[in-house]
Amino acid sequence: MTSTHRFTLVARVSTENPAAVRRALGKLLPGGRIARGDDGFLIEATMRGDSARDLNRDLLSALRRVERRTRLRAEWTAGRTTERFFDYVPKGTRTRTT
């Protein structure tokens, strides 16, 4: 039996093809908040999965199927732990103490 966790995603997506990536984000993150930013999109969503790394990889892979040069800077939070990623690369973990 697999245990899934609820993650909150806060991310910045930049791309060469905003229209196509916007459509993909709408399908991948139903109920998420997607706002236009300076160089792409600011997104906030809630997703369920086994790990932040798996969710991050799945999201970026799906976006890159639409536009190869898409970049993702993401923070995934579950409970009191936040994991940061730049594209597929983990950039650190922070645990809130309060």
N, C-alpha and C. Protein backbone atom coordinates (compact mmCIF):
# COMPACT_ATOMS: atom_id res chain seq x y z
N MET A 1 0.85 -1.18 0.00
CA MET A 1 0.00 0.00 0.00
C MET A 1 0.89 1.24 0.00
N THR A 2 0.59 2.19 -0.86
CA THR A 2 1.38 3.39 -1.00
C THR A 2 0.74 4.53 -0.23
N SER A 3 1.58 5.26 0.48
CA SER A 3 1.09 6.42 1.23
C SER A 3 1.34 7.67 0.39
N THR A 4 0.31 8.45 0.16
CA THR A 4 0.50 9.70 -0.56
C THR A 4 0.37 10.86 0.41
N HIS A 5 1.09 11.92 0.09
CA HIS A 5 1.09 13.11 0.91
C HIS A 5 0.46 14.26 0.13
N ARG A 6 -0.06 15.21 0.85
CA ARG A 6 -0.63 16.41 0.23
C ARG A 6 0.46 17.48 0.21
N PHE A 7 0.79 17.96 -0.99
CA PHE A 7 1.82 18.97 -1.17
C PHE A 7 1.19 20.26 -1.68
N THR A 8 1.69 21.37 -1.18
CA THR A 8 1.33 22.67 -1.71
C THR A 8 2.48 23.13 -2.59
N LEU A 9 2.15 23.49 -3.81
CA LEU A 9 3.14 23.93 -4.79
C LEU A 9 3.06 25.44 -4.95
N VAL A 10 4.21 26.10 -4.88
CA VAL A 10 4.35 27.51 -5.24
C VAL A 10 5.51 27.54 -6.21
N ALA A 11 5.26 28.03 -7.43
CA ALA A 11 6.30 27.93 -8.45
C ALA A 11 6.25 29.08 -9.45
N ARG A 12 7.36 29.20 -10.14
CA ARG A 12 7.51 30.15 -11.24
C ARG A 12 7.89 29.32 -12.47
N VAL A 13 7.11 29.47 -13.54
CA VAL A 13 7.35 28.75 -14.79
C VAL A 13 7.69 29.76 -15.86
N SER A 14 8.82 29.56 -16.53
CA SER A 14 9.17 30.43 -17.66
C SER A 14 9.30 29.57 -18.91
N THR A 15 8.94 30.16 -20.05
CA THR A 15 8.85 29.38 -21.28
C THR A 15 8.95 30.27 -22.52
N GLU A 16 9.26 29.64 -23.62
CA GLU A 16 9.29 30.32 -24.92
C GLU A 16 7.91 30.33 -25.59
N ASN A 17 6.99 29.50 -25.09
CA ASN A 17 5.66 29.38 -25.71
C ASN A 17 4.58 29.49 -24.62
N PRO A 18 4.31 30.72 -24.15
CA PRO A 18 3.37 30.89 -23.03
C PRO A 18 1.97 30.36 -23.30
N ALA A 19 1.46 30.51 -24.50
CA ALA A 19 0.08 30.08 -24.78
C ALA A 19 -0.06 28.57 -24.60
N ALA A 20 0.85 27.81 -25.15
CA ALA A 20 0.78 26.35 -25.05
C ALA A 20 1.00 25.88 -23.62
N VAL A 21 1.95 26.49 -22.93
CA VAL A 21 2.23 26.09 -21.55
C VAL A 21 1.06 26.47 -20.64
N ARG A 22 0.41 27.59 -20.88
CA ARG A 22 -0.76 27.99 -20.09
C ARG A 22 -1.87 26.96 -20.20
N ARG A 23 -2.11 26.49 -21.43
CA ARG A 23 -3.14 25.45 -21.63
C ARG A 23 -2.76 24.18 -20.87
N ALA A 24 -1.50 23.79 -20.93
CA ALA A 24 -1.04 22.59 -20.24
C ALA A 24 -1.17 22.74 -18.73
N LEU A 25 -0.80 23.91 -18.20
CA LEU A 25 -0.93 24.14 -16.76
C LEU A 25 -2.38 24.02 -16.31
N GLY A 26 -3.29 24.55 -17.10
CA GLY A 26 -4.70 24.46 -16.77
C GLY A 26 -5.18 23.02 -16.67
N LYS A 27 -4.66 22.15 -17.53
CA LYS A 27 -5.04 20.73 -17.49
C LYS A 27 -4.33 19.99 -16.36
N LEU A 28 -3.06 20.32 -16.13
CA LEU A 28 -2.27 19.61 -15.12
C LEU A 28 -2.63 20.02 -13.70
N LEU A 29 -3.07 21.26 -13.53
CA LEU A 29 -3.34 21.80 -12.19
C LEU A 29 -4.76 22.33 -12.08
N PRO A 30 -5.76 21.47 -12.28
CA PRO A 30 -7.14 21.96 -12.16
C PRO A 30 -7.38 22.47 -10.74
N GLY A 31 -7.98 23.62 -10.64
CA GLY A 31 -8.22 24.19 -9.32
C GLY A 31 -7.04 24.97 -8.78
N GLY A 32 -5.92 24.94 -9.49
CA GLY A 32 -4.75 25.71 -9.08
C GLY A 32 -4.88 27.15 -9.52
N ARG A 33 -4.06 28.00 -8.93
CA ARG A 33 -4.06 29.41 -9.31
C ARG A 33 -2.88 29.65 -10.25
N ILE A 34 -3.16 30.18 -11.44
CA ILE A 34 -2.15 30.43 -12.45
C ILE A 34 -2.24 31.89 -12.84
N ALA A 35 -1.17 32.64 -12.59
CA ALA A 35 -1.16 34.08 -12.90
C ALA A 35 0.01 34.37 -13.83
N ARG A 36 -0.20 35.31 -14.70
CA ARG A 36 0.85 35.72 -15.63
C ARG A 36 1.90 36.51 -14.85
N GLY A 37 3.18 36.17 -15.04
CA GLY A 37 4.28 36.87 -14.39
C GLY A 37 5.13 37.59 -15.43
N ASP A 38 6.24 38.16 -15.00
CA ASP A 38 7.11 38.90 -15.91
C ASP A 38 7.65 38.04 -17.05
N ASP A 39 8.12 36.84 -16.72
CA ASP A 39 8.72 35.99 -17.74
C ASP A 39 8.02 34.65 -17.88
N GLY A 40 6.78 34.57 -17.45
CA GLY A 40 6.05 33.31 -17.55
C GLY A 40 4.83 33.32 -16.65
N PHE A 41 4.79 32.34 -15.73
CA PHE A 41 3.62 32.18 -14.88
C PHE A 41 4.01 31.97 -13.43
N LEU A 42 3.17 32.45 -12.54
CA LEU A 42 3.28 32.17 -11.11
C LEU A 42 2.14 31.20 -10.81
N ILE A 43 2.46 30.08 -10.18
CA ILE A 43 1.42 29.10 -9.93
C ILE A 43 1.38 28.69 -8.47
N GLU A 44 0.18 28.40 -8.00
CA GLU A 44 -0.06 27.86 -6.67
C GLU A 44 -1.09 26.76 -6.84
N ALA A 45 -0.78 25.60 -6.27
CA ALA A 45 -1.69 24.47 -6.41
C ALA A 45 -1.45 23.48 -5.29
N THR A 46 -2.37 22.56 -5.15
CA THR A 46 -2.23 21.47 -4.20
C THR A 46 -2.27 20.17 -5.00
N MET A 47 -1.32 19.28 -4.70
CA MET A 47 -1.25 17.99 -5.39
C MET A 47 -0.97 16.90 -4.37
N ARG A 48 -1.33 15.68 -4.72
CA ARG A 48 -1.05 14.52 -3.88
C ARG A 48 -0.05 13.63 -4.59
N GLY A 49 0.90 13.09 -3.80
CA GLY A 49 1.89 12.20 -4.38
C GLY A 49 2.77 11.60 -3.30
N ASP A 50 3.68 10.73 -3.74
CA ASP A 50 4.58 10.05 -2.81
C ASP A 50 5.70 10.95 -2.33
N SER A 51 6.20 11.82 -3.22
CA SER A 51 7.32 12.70 -2.83
C SER A 51 7.29 13.96 -3.68
N ALA A 52 7.91 15.01 -3.13
CA ALA A 52 8.03 16.26 -3.88
C ALA A 52 8.85 16.04 -5.14
N ARG A 53 9.89 15.25 -5.05
CA ARG A 53 10.75 14.98 -6.22
C ARG A 53 9.94 14.34 -7.35
N ASP A 54 9.10 13.36 -7.03
CA ASP A 54 8.29 12.70 -8.06
C ASP A 54 7.30 13.68 -8.69
N LEU A 55 6.62 14.46 -7.85
CA LEU A 55 5.65 15.43 -8.38
C LEU A 55 6.34 16.48 -9.25
N ASN A 56 7.49 16.95 -8.81
CA ASN A 56 8.24 17.96 -9.56
C ASN A 56 8.66 17.39 -10.93
N ARG A 57 9.19 16.17 -10.92
CA ARG A 57 9.63 15.52 -12.17
C ARG A 57 8.44 15.34 -13.11
N ASP A 58 7.32 14.86 -12.59
CA ASP A 58 6.14 14.64 -13.44
C ASP A 58 5.63 15.93 -14.04
N LEU A 59 5.57 16.99 -13.23
CA LEU A 59 5.08 18.28 -13.73
C LEU A 59 6.01 18.85 -14.79
N LEU A 60 7.30 18.89 -14.52
CA LEU A 60 8.24 19.46 -15.50
C LEU A 60 8.30 18.63 -16.77
N SER A 61 8.26 17.32 -16.65
CA SER A 61 8.28 16.46 -17.85
C SER A 61 7.05 16.73 -18.72
N ALA A 62 5.89 16.87 -18.09
CA ALA A 62 4.67 17.15 -18.85
C ALA A 62 4.76 18.52 -19.53
N LEU A 63 5.30 19.52 -18.84
CA LEU A 63 5.43 20.85 -19.45
C LEU A 63 6.44 20.83 -20.59
N ARG A 64 7.51 20.07 -20.43
CA ARG A 64 8.53 20.01 -21.49
C ARG A 64 8.08 19.22 -22.70
N ARG A 65 7.07 18.39 -22.56
CA ARG A 65 6.49 17.75 -23.74
C ARG A 65 5.78 18.79 -24.61
N VAL A 66 5.31 19.85 -23.99
CA VAL A 66 4.63 20.94 -24.71
C VAL A 66 5.66 21.92 -25.26
N GLU A 67 6.64 22.31 -24.46
CA GLU A 67 7.69 23.26 -24.86
C GLU A 67 8.99 22.84 -24.19
N ARG A 68 9.94 22.41 -24.99
CA ARG A 68 11.19 21.84 -24.49
C ARG A 68 11.97 22.79 -23.59
N ARG A 69 11.92 24.08 -23.86
CA ARG A 69 12.73 25.04 -23.10
C ARG A 69 11.99 25.66 -21.90
N THR A 70 11.06 24.93 -21.35
CA THR A 70 10.34 25.39 -20.16
C THR A 70 11.21 25.19 -18.92
N ARG A 71 11.20 26.18 -18.04
CA ARG A 71 11.95 26.12 -16.79
C ARG A 71 10.99 26.20 -15.61
N LEU A 72 11.32 25.48 -14.54
CA LEU A 72 10.45 25.41 -13.37
C LEU A 72 11.27 25.65 -12.11
N ARG A 73 10.90 26.69 -11.38
CA ARG A 73 11.48 26.95 -10.04
C ARG A 73 10.34 26.71 -9.06
N ALA A 74 10.47 25.66 -8.26
CA ALA A 74 9.32 25.22 -7.47
C ALA A 74 9.67 25.01 -6.00
N GLU A 75 8.69 25.27 -5.16
CA GLU A 75 8.74 24.93 -3.73
C GLU A 75 7.54 24.05 -3.44
N TRP A 76 7.81 22.86 -2.91
CA TRP A 76 6.78 21.90 -2.55
C TRP A 76 6.76 21.77 -1.04
N THR A 77 5.61 22.00 -0.42
CA THR A 77 5.51 21.96 1.04
C THR A 77 4.51 20.89 1.46
N ALA A 78 4.96 20.04 2.38
CA ALA A 78 4.09 19.03 3.00
C ALA A 78 4.35 19.12 4.50
N GLY A 79 3.30 19.38 5.24
CA GLY A 79 3.48 19.55 6.68
C GLY A 79 4.34 20.76 6.95
N ARG A 80 5.44 20.56 7.67
CA ARG A 80 6.34 21.67 8.00
C ARG A 80 7.60 21.67 7.16
N THR A 81 7.68 20.81 6.14
CA THR A 81 8.88 20.69 5.33
C THR A 81 8.65 21.24 3.93
N THR A 82 9.56 22.09 3.48
CA THR A 82 9.52 22.66 2.13
C THR A 82 10.76 22.22 1.37
N GLU A 83 10.54 21.68 0.16
CA GLU A 83 11.64 21.26 -0.71
C GLU A 83 11.65 22.16 -1.93
N ARG A 84 12.84 22.68 -2.27
CA ARG A 84 12.98 23.59 -3.40
C ARG A 84 13.67 22.88 -4.56
N PHE A 85 13.23 23.20 -5.80
CA PHE A 85 13.82 22.62 -7.00
C PHE A 85 14.01 23.69 -8.06
N PHE A 86 15.08 23.55 -8.84
CA PHE A 86 15.25 24.31 -10.08
C PHE A 86 15.29 23.28 -11.18
N ASP A 87 14.28 23.28 -12.03
CA ASP A 87 14.06 22.21 -13.00
C ASP A 87 14.01 20.88 -12.26
N TYR A 88 14.87 19.92 -12.61
CA TYR A 88 14.83 18.62 -11.93
C TYR A 88 15.75 18.56 -10.71
N VAL A 89 16.53 19.61 -10.47
CA VAL A 89 17.60 19.58 -9.47
C VAL A 89 17.10 20.07 -8.11
N PRO A 90 17.24 19.24 -7.06
CA PRO A 90 16.87 19.71 -5.72
C PRO A 90 17.84 20.79 -5.25
N LYS A 91 17.30 21.85 -4.66
CA LYS A 91 18.12 22.97 -4.20
C LYS A 91 18.09 23.16 -2.70
N GLY A 92 17.43 22.26 -1.98
CA GLY A 92 17.45 22.36 -0.53
C GLY A 92 16.12 22.04 0.09
N THR A 93 16.20 21.73 1.38
CA THR A 93 15.02 21.42 2.18
C THR A 93 15.04 22.30 3.42
N ARG A 94 13.88 22.81 3.78
CA ARG A 94 13.75 23.66 4.95
C ARG A 94 12.59 23.14 5.79
N THR A 95 12.83 23.02 7.10
CA THR A 95 11.78 22.59 8.01
C THR A 95 11.41 23.74 8.92
N ARG A 96 10.14 24.08 8.93
CA ARG A 96 9.63 25.15 9.79
C ARG A 96 9.56 24.63 11.22
N THR A 97 10.03 25.40 12.17
CA THR A 97 10.09 24.93 13.56
C THR A 97 8.93 25.41 14.41
N THR A 98 8.11 26.33 13.92
CA THR A 98 7.02 26.85 14.74
C THR A 98 5.73 26.11 14.50
